[in-house]
Structure formats: C-alpha cells, structure tokens
Protein backbone atom coordinates (compact mmCIF):
# COMPACT_ATOMS: atom_id res chain seq x y z
CA MET A 1 -83.81 133.33 21.76
CA ASP A 2 -82.92 136.92 20.86
CA GLU A 3 -79.46 137.93 19.59
CA LYS A 4 -78.24 139.28 22.94
CA ASN A 5 -79.24 136.13 24.84
CA LEU A 6 -77.75 133.93 22.13
CA ARG A 7 -74.46 135.85 22.36
CA ASN A 8 -74.49 135.55 26.16
CA GLU A 9 -75.24 131.84 25.96
CA PHE A 10 -72.21 131.01 23.84
CA ARG A 11 -69.51 133.53 24.71
CA TYR A 12 -66.45 132.07 26.37
CA ALA A 13 -68.09 128.65 26.84
CA GLY A 14 -65.06 126.40 27.22
CA HIS A 15 -62.85 128.69 25.16
CA PRO A 16 -59.09 128.33 25.25
CA VAL A 17 -56.82 130.98 26.65
CA SER A 18 -53.88 131.18 24.28
CA ALA A 19 -50.45 132.74 24.60
CA MET A 20 -48.56 133.98 21.57
CA VAL A 21 -44.88 134.45 22.42
CA ASP A 22 -42.16 135.09 19.85
CA GLY A 23 -44.18 133.61 17.00
CA THR A 24 -45.34 130.51 18.87
CA THR A 25 -48.98 130.04 19.92
CA LYS A 26 -50.06 127.58 22.59
CA THR A 27 -53.11 127.02 24.76
CA VAL A 28 -52.20 127.86 28.35
CA ALA A 29 -55.60 127.46 30.01
CA THR A 30 -59.29 126.95 29.34
CA GLY A 31 -62.25 128.47 31.05
CA ARG A 32 -66.00 128.38 31.19
CA GLY A 33 -67.83 131.63 31.68
CA ASP A 34 -66.77 135.25 31.39
CA LYS A 35 -65.44 135.71 34.90
CA GLN A 36 -63.26 132.60 34.83
CA VAL A 37 -61.68 133.37 31.45
CA LEU A 38 -61.07 137.03 32.29
CA ARG A 39 -59.58 136.06 35.66
CA LYS A 40 -57.19 133.68 33.89
CA LEU A 41 -56.12 136.47 31.52
CA VAL A 42 -55.39 138.73 34.49
CA ASP A 43 -53.43 135.98 36.26
CA ILE A 44 -51.35 135.32 33.15
CA TYR A 45 -50.69 139.05 32.78
CA LEU A 46 -49.50 139.30 36.40
CA GLN A 47 -47.23 136.25 35.99
CA GLN A 48 -45.79 137.11 32.58
CA ARG A 49 -45.20 140.85 32.67
CA ALA A 50 -41.51 141.72 32.70
CA GLU A 51 -41.96 144.52 35.27
CA PRO A 52 -44.98 146.10 37.00
CA GLU A 53 -44.79 149.16 34.71
CA SER A 54 -44.16 147.22 31.47
CA LEU A 55 -46.16 148.32 28.46
CA ALA A 56 -49.40 146.42 27.95
CA MET A 57 -52.76 146.94 26.25
CA VAL A 58 -56.27 145.51 26.27
CA VAL A 59 -57.62 144.39 22.89
CA ASP A 60 -61.21 143.53 22.02
CA ALA A 61 -63.33 143.33 18.88
CA ALA A 62 -67.07 143.73 18.31
CA VAL A 63 -68.14 143.29 21.93
CA ASP A 64 -66.86 146.26 23.97
CA GLU A 65 -68.13 144.70 27.20
CA HIS A 66 -65.37 142.06 27.12
CA GLY A 67 -62.63 144.67 26.91
CA ASP A 68 -64.37 146.85 29.51
CA ASN A 69 -64.51 143.97 31.98
CA LEU A 70 -60.90 142.92 31.39
CA ALA A 71 -59.67 146.51 31.71
CA ALA A 72 -61.61 146.91 34.98
CA LEU A 73 -60.14 143.70 36.45
CA LEU A 74 -56.62 144.75 35.45
CA LYS A 75 -57.12 148.19 36.99
CA GLU A 76 -58.42 146.59 40.20
CA GLU A 77 -55.29 144.39 40.39
CA THR A 78 -52.67 146.90 39.28
CA GLY A 79 -54.13 150.38 39.69
CA ARG A 80 -53.24 151.06 36.04
CA ASP A 81 -55.49 152.16 33.18
CA LEU A 82 -54.15 150.19 30.22
CA PRO A 83 -54.66 151.56 26.71
CA ARG A 84 -57.47 149.97 24.67
CA TYR A 85 -57.31 148.85 21.05
CA LYS A 86 -59.62 147.10 18.60
CA ALA A 87 -58.45 143.88 16.97
CA GLY A 88 -57.90 144.16 13.24
CA ALA A 89 -59.87 142.34 10.58
CA SER A 90 -57.41 139.46 10.10
CA ILE A 91 -57.48 138.66 13.83
CA VAL A 92 -61.26 138.92 14.10
CA ILE A 93 -61.81 136.74 11.02
CA ASN A 94 -59.76 133.97 12.65
CA ALA A 95 -60.64 134.43 16.33
CA GLY A 96 -64.19 135.76 16.12
CA PRO A 97 -65.90 138.95 17.27
CA ASN A 98 -65.81 138.00 20.97
CA ILE A 99 -62.02 138.06 21.21
CA VAL A 100 -60.50 139.77 24.20
CA ALA A 101 -56.80 139.93 25.00
CA VAL A 102 -54.13 141.51 27.08
CA VAL A 103 -50.98 142.21 25.07
CA LEU A 104 -47.66 142.46 26.90
CA LEU A 105 -44.83 144.38 25.31
CA GLY A 106 -41.21 144.61 26.35
CA LYS A 107 -38.43 142.25 27.25
CA LYS A 108 -38.50 138.66 26.06
CA ARG A 109 -40.21 136.52 28.70
CA SER A 110 -39.69 133.02 27.21
C-alpha cells in the first residue's frame, strides 16, 4: 500500500472529537470517516459559538486537505471564510499530523 492510500486508510478512523474549554479537555463525540468527523466539528461550532460573527479559525497540520474540507463546510453553513492557521509543533507532536480543528474565540461558553 503506498503512502497516500495508507494515510487515507487510517485518517479519522474512530477518532475522538475533543473540546478544550477554559483549560479542560473532554471527548464530546467520535466519528468514523472524514465526512462524519468534519460534520461533527461543524455542528459543534454552530452550537457553541457565542454569536454568528464571533471570531473563529480553522487549524490543521501536515495535511492541508483536512483544513480545506473543514473550511469549505463551514463556509457552506455560515457564508464566512474563516482564517486558517497551522498547528504548532507541541500540538502536532501530541495530536498527530492529521489534526484538524475549529477554534472559537470570544465570550465564555461554559
């Protein structure tokens, strides 16, 4: 199996969707397959944002495709182009190169 197919075989397979709020991390969902996990991230964003225009960003690491797909889904749902950032080394070392996230900024949401 070549590297691309190996990466496609294992990405997101049963991975947790975690929320980090005010220093506390918890698993809020799990998903199998790219579309399901990305959809859950979008749903969480829509539920947790303080206001429709609240600051938010899309974060990815070594695999741009994950961030591209999440950004496209968010734009489809909200009409907004969210800024894109790369995860830093300490995050990637712990979470892996396939990490993708939506970061919400603003008022405390509990």
